[in-house]
Structure formats: C-alpha cells, structure tokens
C-alpha cells in the first residue's frame, strides 16, 4: 500500500499590509516585539516622525485583531519604525458579509495605522 503525504497549508494569520513609505529607515530595522503600539487616546511624543502609512487586511474568518496588530508591528519594524499608531480597525459590514456569502469570497477585517520613528523612545 502506498501512502501519499499531502502538504498542509495553514491559513491562519493571513494578513497583508500595503505601505506608503514617507521616510526610508529600512537600513535600521526594528524587531517586531520592540515596536510599541499606540492606540486612540494615547499621547504620542512630539519627537516621533512618520515613517509610513500602513493598511492591513485579512479574512475575518482566518484572522484575529491580534494577528492584524502583530503584522502591522512586523511591517513597521522592517521599515525601521519603533512604534505604530493604530488609527482604525474595522470588521466587515453586513453588506460585505452578505456579498461574501453569495459569491463565496472573503469578508475582510481592515486596519489603518501610521508607522513612527520615535528617536527618544516610547516607553
């Protein structure tokens, strides 16, 4: 009897991030775990400079908010940012979910953020 091994693809955490780079700091990447996250209401130090505008998107059924934040931190760090200001995170609306169900497509969770370089640190 022959056994066939099929590759297993893990889809969890499939988040894509598009970027508009404003300041190239990619020569000094920052580890994901060292990228601080500012949320609404947080005070951002005046010394922080904008590195990039980020937009993350991921299938609502396959991603969680933590996956989105981790991916934003990872991409910001690759650009040399040491902080991310999370501006919005939205689940798909009823209309998008209905269209996804009818056509068999995905309904995406979206997030917008700004990657920041804070020369004086953030903690």
N, C-alpha and C. Protein backbone atom coordinates (compact mmCIF):
# COMPACT_ATOMS: atom_id res chain seq x y z
N UNK A 1 0.84 -1.17 0.00
CA UNK A 1 0.00 0.00 0.00
C UNK A 1 0.89 1.25 0.00
N UNK A 2 0.61 2.15 -0.88
CA UNK A 2 1.36 3.40 -0.96
C UNK A 2 0.65 4.47 -0.14
N UNK A 3 1.46 5.25 0.49
CA UNK A 3 0.91 6.38 1.25
C UNK A 3 1.35 7.66 0.59
N UNK A 4 0.44 8.55 0.46
CA UNK A 4 0.74 9.84 -0.12
C UNK A 4 0.64 10.90 0.97
N UNK A 5 1.66 11.68 1.05
CA UNK A 5 1.65 12.78 2.01
C UNK A 5 1.28 14.05 1.27
N UNK A 6 0.28 14.69 1.72
CA UNK A 6 -0.15 15.94 1.12
C UNK A 6 0.30 17.09 1.99
N UNK A 7 0.81 18.14 1.36
CA UNK A 7 1.20 19.29 2.17
C UNK A 7 -0.03 19.95 2.79
N UNK A 8 0.14 20.39 4.00
CA UNK A 8 -0.94 21.06 4.71
C UNK A 8 -0.62 22.55 4.74
N UNK A 9 -1.58 23.33 4.30
CA UNK A 9 -1.39 24.76 4.27
C UNK A 9 -2.15 25.38 5.43
N UNK A 10 -1.45 26.12 6.21
CA UNK A 10 -2.08 26.80 7.34
C UNK A 10 -2.41 28.22 6.91
N UNK A 11 -3.68 28.55 6.96
CA UNK A 11 -4.13 29.86 6.50
C UNK A 11 -4.28 30.87 7.62
N UNK A 12 -4.28 30.42 8.84
CA UNK A 12 -4.48 31.34 9.95
C UNK A 12 -3.41 32.42 9.95
N UNK A 13 -3.84 33.63 10.20
CA UNK A 13 -2.89 34.72 10.26
C UNK A 13 -2.52 35.28 8.90
N UNK A 14 -3.37 35.07 7.89
CA UNK A 14 -3.10 35.58 6.54
C UNK A 14 -3.47 37.05 6.48
N UNK A 15 -2.54 37.90 6.81
CA UNK A 15 -2.77 39.34 6.81
C UNK A 15 -1.82 39.96 5.81
N UNK A 16 -2.34 40.83 4.95
CA UNK A 16 -1.49 41.57 4.03
C UNK A 16 -1.44 43.03 4.46
N UNK A 17 -0.29 43.64 4.24
CA UNK A 17 -0.12 45.05 4.61
C UNK A 17 0.40 45.80 3.39
N UNK A 18 -0.30 46.86 3.02
CA UNK A 18 0.21 47.76 1.99
C UNK A 18 0.80 48.98 2.69
N UNK A 19 1.83 49.55 2.06
CA UNK A 19 2.58 50.62 2.71
C UNK A 19 2.80 51.79 1.76
N UNK A 20 2.75 52.97 2.29
CA UNK A 20 3.18 54.17 1.60
C UNK A 20 4.32 54.75 2.43
N UNK A 21 5.54 54.56 1.97
CA UNK A 21 6.72 54.96 2.74
C UNK A 21 6.91 56.47 2.63
N UNK A 22 7.06 57.11 3.78
CA UNK A 22 7.27 58.55 3.85
C UNK A 22 8.71 58.90 4.17
N UNK A 23 9.40 58.02 4.90
CA UNK A 23 10.79 58.22 5.29
C UNK A 23 11.48 56.86 5.27
N UNK A 24 12.53 56.73 4.50
CA UNK A 24 13.21 55.44 4.38
C UNK A 24 14.19 55.24 5.53
N UNK A 25 13.82 54.34 6.45
CA UNK A 25 14.68 53.97 7.57
C UNK A 25 14.94 52.46 7.54
N UNK A 26 14.72 51.84 6.39
CA UNK A 26 14.83 50.38 6.29
C UNK A 26 16.25 49.87 6.58
N UNK A 27 17.23 50.76 6.57
CA UNK A 27 18.60 50.39 6.90
C UNK A 27 18.76 50.06 8.39
N UNK A 28 17.76 50.42 9.19
CA UNK A 28 17.80 50.16 10.64
C UNK A 28 16.52 49.46 11.09
N UNK A 29 16.34 48.19 10.69
CA UNK A 29 15.10 47.51 11.08
C UNK A 29 15.00 47.32 12.59
N UNK A 30 13.75 47.18 13.04
CA UNK A 30 13.44 47.01 14.46
C UNK A 30 12.66 45.70 14.60
N UNK A 31 13.01 44.89 15.59
CA UNK A 31 12.30 43.63 15.83
C UNK A 31 10.84 43.89 16.16
N UNK A 32 9.96 43.02 15.68
CA UNK A 32 8.52 43.19 15.90
C UNK A 32 8.19 43.42 17.37
N UNK A 33 8.79 42.65 18.25
CA UNK A 33 8.47 42.76 19.67
C UNK A 33 8.95 44.07 20.29
N UNK A 34 9.79 44.80 19.58
CA UNK A 34 10.28 46.09 20.07
C UNK A 34 9.51 47.27 19.49
N UNK A 35 8.48 46.98 18.68
CA UNK A 35 7.65 48.04 18.10
C UNK A 35 6.46 48.27 19.01
N UNK A 36 6.39 49.46 19.59
CA UNK A 36 5.34 49.84 20.53
C UNK A 36 4.07 50.19 19.77
N UNK A 37 2.92 49.92 20.36
CA UNK A 37 1.63 50.23 19.72
C UNK A 37 0.92 51.32 20.51
N UNK A 38 0.65 52.43 19.83
CA UNK A 38 -0.18 53.49 20.38
C UNK A 38 -1.60 53.25 19.88
N UNK A 39 -2.59 53.44 20.75
CA UNK A 39 -3.98 53.34 20.34
C UNK A 39 -4.66 54.68 20.55
N UNK A 40 -5.90 54.79 20.10
CA UNK A 40 -6.63 56.05 20.22
C UNK A 40 -6.61 56.53 21.67
N UNK A 41 -6.37 57.80 21.84
CA UNK A 41 -6.34 58.37 23.17
C UNK A 41 -4.95 58.44 23.79
N UNK A 42 -4.00 57.65 23.24
CA UNK A 42 -2.63 57.71 23.74
C UNK A 42 -1.97 59.01 23.28
N UNK A 43 -1.08 59.52 24.09
CA UNK A 43 -0.31 60.70 23.72
C UNK A 43 0.97 60.25 23.03
N UNK A 44 1.15 60.72 21.81
CA UNK A 44 2.33 60.37 21.03
C UNK A 44 3.38 61.46 21.24
N UNK A 45 4.60 61.08 21.62
CA UNK A 45 5.65 62.09 21.83
C UNK A 45 5.84 62.98 20.59
N UNK A 46 6.08 64.25 20.82
CA UNK A 46 6.25 65.20 19.72
C UNK A 46 7.47 64.90 18.87
N UNK A 47 8.44 64.20 19.43
CA UNK A 47 9.66 63.91 18.67
C UNK A 47 9.47 62.81 17.63
N UNK A 48 8.34 62.10 17.68
CA UNK A 48 8.10 61.00 16.73
C UNK A 48 7.88 61.54 15.32
N UNK A 49 8.44 60.81 14.36
CA UNK A 49 8.33 61.19 12.96
C UNK A 49 7.62 60.08 12.19
N UNK A 50 6.84 60.46 11.19
CA UNK A 50 6.11 59.48 10.39
C UNK A 50 7.05 58.77 9.44
N UNK A 51 7.00 57.45 9.45
CA UNK A 51 7.80 56.62 8.56
C UNK A 51 6.97 56.12 7.39
N UNK A 52 5.74 55.69 7.66
CA UNK A 52 4.89 55.15 6.60
C UNK A 52 3.43 55.12 7.02
N UNK A 53 2.57 55.13 6.02
CA UNK A 53 1.16 54.87 6.22
C UNK A 53 0.95 53.39 5.93
N UNK A 54 0.23 52.69 6.80
CA UNK A 54 0.04 51.25 6.67
C UNK A 54 -1.45 50.92 6.59
N UNK A 55 -1.78 49.95 5.75
CA UNK A 55 -3.15 49.44 5.68
C UNK A 55 -3.07 47.92 5.70
N UNK A 56 -3.68 47.31 6.71
CA UNK A 56 -3.68 45.85 6.84
C UNK A 56 -5.07 45.32 6.51
N UNK A 57 -5.07 44.13 5.90
CA UNK A 57 -6.32 43.49 5.54
C UNK A 57 -6.18 42.00 5.72
N UNK A 58 -7.22 41.36 6.25
CA UNK A 58 -7.20 39.92 6.44
C UNK A 58 -8.59 39.36 6.52
N UNK A 59 -8.76 38.15 6.02
CA UNK A 59 -10.06 37.48 6.05
C UNK A 59 -10.56 37.38 7.48
N UNK A 60 -11.76 37.86 7.72
CA UNK A 60 -12.31 37.87 9.08
C UNK A 60 -12.37 36.48 9.70
N UNK A 61 -12.62 35.47 8.89
CA UNK A 61 -12.73 34.10 9.42
C UNK A 61 -11.37 33.50 9.78
N UNK A 62 -10.28 34.05 9.22
CA UNK A 62 -8.97 33.46 9.42
C UNK A 62 -8.02 34.29 10.27
N UNK A 63 -8.43 35.50 10.61
CA UNK A 63 -7.54 36.38 11.38
C UNK A 63 -8.25 36.93 12.61
N UNK A 64 -7.46 37.28 13.58
CA UNK A 64 -7.96 37.95 14.78
C UNK A 64 -7.30 39.32 14.85
N UNK A 65 -7.82 40.17 15.71
CA UNK A 65 -7.25 41.51 15.84
C UNK A 65 -5.78 41.46 16.22
N UNK A 66 -5.42 40.51 17.07
CA UNK A 66 -4.01 40.36 17.47
C UNK A 66 -3.11 40.04 16.28
N UNK A 67 -3.61 39.23 15.34
CA UNK A 67 -2.85 38.93 14.12
C UNK A 67 -2.59 40.20 13.33
N UNK A 68 -3.62 41.03 13.24
CA UNK A 68 -3.51 42.29 12.49
C UNK A 68 -2.46 43.20 13.13
N UNK A 69 -2.53 43.33 14.44
CA UNK A 69 -1.58 44.20 15.14
C UNK A 69 -0.16 43.66 15.02
N UNK A 70 0.01 42.36 15.17
CA UNK A 70 1.35 41.77 15.03
C UNK A 70 1.93 42.01 13.64
N UNK A 71 1.10 41.88 12.61
CA UNK A 71 1.58 42.09 11.25
C UNK A 71 1.94 43.56 11.02
N UNK A 72 1.15 44.47 11.56
CA UNK A 72 1.47 45.90 11.44
C UNK A 72 2.79 46.20 12.15
N UNK A 73 3.00 45.62 13.33
CA UNK A 73 4.26 45.81 14.06
C UNK A 73 5.44 45.26 13.27
N UNK A 74 5.25 44.07 12.68
CA UNK A 74 6.33 43.45 11.90
C UNK A 74 6.71 44.31 10.70
N UNK A 75 5.71 44.76 9.95
CA UNK A 75 5.98 45.57 8.76
C UNK A 75 6.57 46.92 9.11
N UNK A 76 6.09 47.54 10.19
CA UNK A 76 6.66 48.81 10.63
C UNK A 76 8.12 48.63 11.02
N UNK A 77 8.41 47.55 11.73
CA UNK A 77 9.79 47.28 12.13
C UNK A 77 10.71 47.09 10.94
N UNK A 78 10.25 46.42 9.89
CA UNK A 78 11.05 46.25 8.67
C UNK A 78 11.40 47.59 8.05
N UNK A 79 10.52 48.57 8.24
CA UNK A 79 10.75 49.90 7.69
C UNK A 79 11.61 50.77 8.61
N UNK A 80 11.97 50.24 9.78
CA UNK A 80 12.80 50.99 10.71
C UNK A 80 12.01 51.80 11.72
N UNK A 81 10.71 51.55 11.82
CA UNK A 81 9.88 52.25 12.79
C UNK A 81 9.92 51.52 14.13
N UNK A 82 9.86 52.29 15.22
CA UNK A 82 9.84 51.65 16.53
C UNK A 82 8.49 51.82 17.23
N UNK A 83 7.50 52.33 16.48
CA UNK A 83 6.15 52.48 17.03
C UNK A 83 5.13 52.46 15.89
N UNK A 84 3.91 52.10 16.26
CA UNK A 84 2.78 52.11 15.33
C UNK A 84 1.64 52.82 16.03
N UNK A 85 1.03 53.76 15.34
CA UNK A 85 -0.18 54.40 15.86
C UNK A 85 -1.36 53.76 15.15
N UNK A 86 -2.08 52.89 15.85
CA UNK A 86 -3.24 52.20 15.29
C UNK A 86 -4.40 53.18 15.23
N UNK A 87 -4.79 53.55 14.03
CA UNK A 87 -5.83 54.56 13.84
C UNK A 87 -7.23 53.94 13.82
N UNK A 88 -7.41 52.88 13.03
CA UNK A 88 -8.72 52.22 12.95
C UNK A 88 -8.53 50.72 12.78
N UNK A 89 -9.51 49.97 13.24
CA UNK A 89 -9.61 48.55 12.95
C UNK A 89 -11.10 48.25 12.85
N UNK A 90 -11.51 47.73 11.69
CA UNK A 90 -12.92 47.52 11.44
C UNK A 90 -13.19 46.12 10.90
N UNK A 91 -14.24 45.51 11.42
CA UNK A 91 -14.72 44.25 10.87
C UNK A 91 -15.59 44.57 9.65
N UNK A 92 -15.78 43.60 8.77
CA UNK A 92 -16.62 43.86 7.60
C UNK A 92 -18.06 44.16 8.01
N UNK A 93 -18.71 45.00 7.23
CA UNK A 93 -20.10 45.34 7.49
C UNK A 93 -21.04 44.24 7.00
N UNK A 94 -22.30 44.41 7.31
CA UNK A 94 -23.32 43.44 6.93
C UNK A 94 -23.37 43.24 5.42
N UNK A 95 -23.29 44.32 4.67
CA UNK A 95 -23.32 44.23 3.21
C UNK A 95 -22.16 43.43 2.66
N UNK A 96 -20.96 43.70 3.17
CA UNK A 96 -19.77 42.96 2.71
C UNK A 96 -19.89 41.48 3.06
N UNK A 97 -20.41 41.18 4.23
CA UNK A 97 -20.60 39.78 4.63
C UNK A 97 -21.62 39.08 3.73
N UNK A 98 -22.69 39.80 3.38
CA UNK A 98 -23.72 39.21 2.51
C UNK A 98 -23.15 38.93 1.12
N UNK A 99 -22.41 39.87 0.57
CA UNK A 99 -21.79 39.67 -0.75
C UNK A 99 -20.81 38.51 -0.70
N UNK A 100 -20.03 38.42 0.36
CA UNK A 100 -19.07 37.33 0.51
C UNK A 100 -19.78 35.97 0.56
N UNK A 101 -20.90 35.92 1.26
CA UNK A 101 -21.66 34.66 1.35
C UNK A 101 -22.26 34.27 0.01
N UNK A 102 -22.76 35.24 -0.72
CA UNK A 102 -23.40 34.97 -2.01
C UNK A 102 -22.38 34.51 -3.05
N UNK A 103 -21.25 35.21 -3.11
CA UNK A 103 -20.26 34.94 -4.15
C UNK A 103 -19.12 34.04 -3.70
N UNK A 104 -19.13 33.62 -2.44
CA UNK A 104 -18.08 32.74 -1.95
C UNK A 104 -16.72 33.40 -1.83
N UNK A 105 -16.72 34.69 -1.59
CA UNK A 105 -15.47 35.43 -1.41
C UNK A 105 -15.25 35.69 0.08
N UNK A 106 -14.14 36.33 0.40
CA UNK A 106 -13.86 36.61 1.81
C UNK A 106 -14.38 37.99 2.20
N UNK A 107 -14.70 38.13 3.46
CA UNK A 107 -15.06 39.42 4.04
C UNK A 107 -13.87 39.82 4.91
N UNK A 108 -13.26 40.94 4.59
CA UNK A 108 -12.01 41.33 5.23
C UNK A 108 -12.19 42.26 6.41
N UNK A 109 -11.34 42.02 7.40
CA UNK A 109 -11.14 42.93 8.52
C UNK A 109 -10.02 43.89 8.06
N UNK A 110 -10.18 45.18 8.31
CA UNK A 110 -9.19 46.17 7.85
C UNK A 110 -8.69 47.01 9.01
N UNK A 111 -7.44 47.45 8.89
CA UNK A 111 -6.84 48.33 9.90
C UNK A 111 -5.96 49.35 9.20
N UNK A 112 -5.98 50.57 9.71
CA UNK A 112 -5.10 51.63 9.23
C UNK A 112 -4.23 52.09 10.38
N UNK A 113 -2.96 52.34 10.06
CA UNK A 113 -2.01 52.74 11.09
C UNK A 113 -0.93 53.63 10.48
N UNK A 114 -0.19 54.27 11.34
CA UNK A 114 0.96 55.08 10.94
C UNK A 114 2.18 54.49 11.63
N UNK A 115 3.20 54.16 10.85
CA UNK A 115 4.47 53.70 11.41
C UNK A 115 5.27 54.93 11.81
N UNK A 116 5.85 54.89 13.01
CA UNK A 116 6.55 56.05 13.56
C UNK A 116 7.98 55.70 13.98
N UNK A 117 8.86 56.66 13.85
CA UNK A 117 10.20 56.57 14.43
C UNK A 117 10.24 57.59 15.55
N UNK A 118 10.43 57.11 16.77
CA UNK A 118 10.49 57.98 17.95
C UNK A 118 11.93 57.93 18.47
N UNK A 119 12.76 58.90 18.10
CA UNK A 119 14.18 58.87 18.44
C UNK A 119 14.46 58.84 19.94
N UNK A 120 13.55 59.39 20.74
CA UNK A 120 13.75 59.41 22.19
C UNK A 120 13.16 58.18 22.87
N UNK A 121 12.63 57.24 22.08
CA UNK A 121 12.00 56.06 22.63
C UNK A 121 10.53 56.30 22.93
N UNK A 122 9.83 55.22 23.31
CA UNK A 122 8.39 55.34 23.52
C UNK A 122 7.95 54.80 24.86
N UNK A 123 8.83 54.26 25.66
CA UNK A 123 8.40 53.66 26.92
C UNK A 123 8.84 54.44 28.10
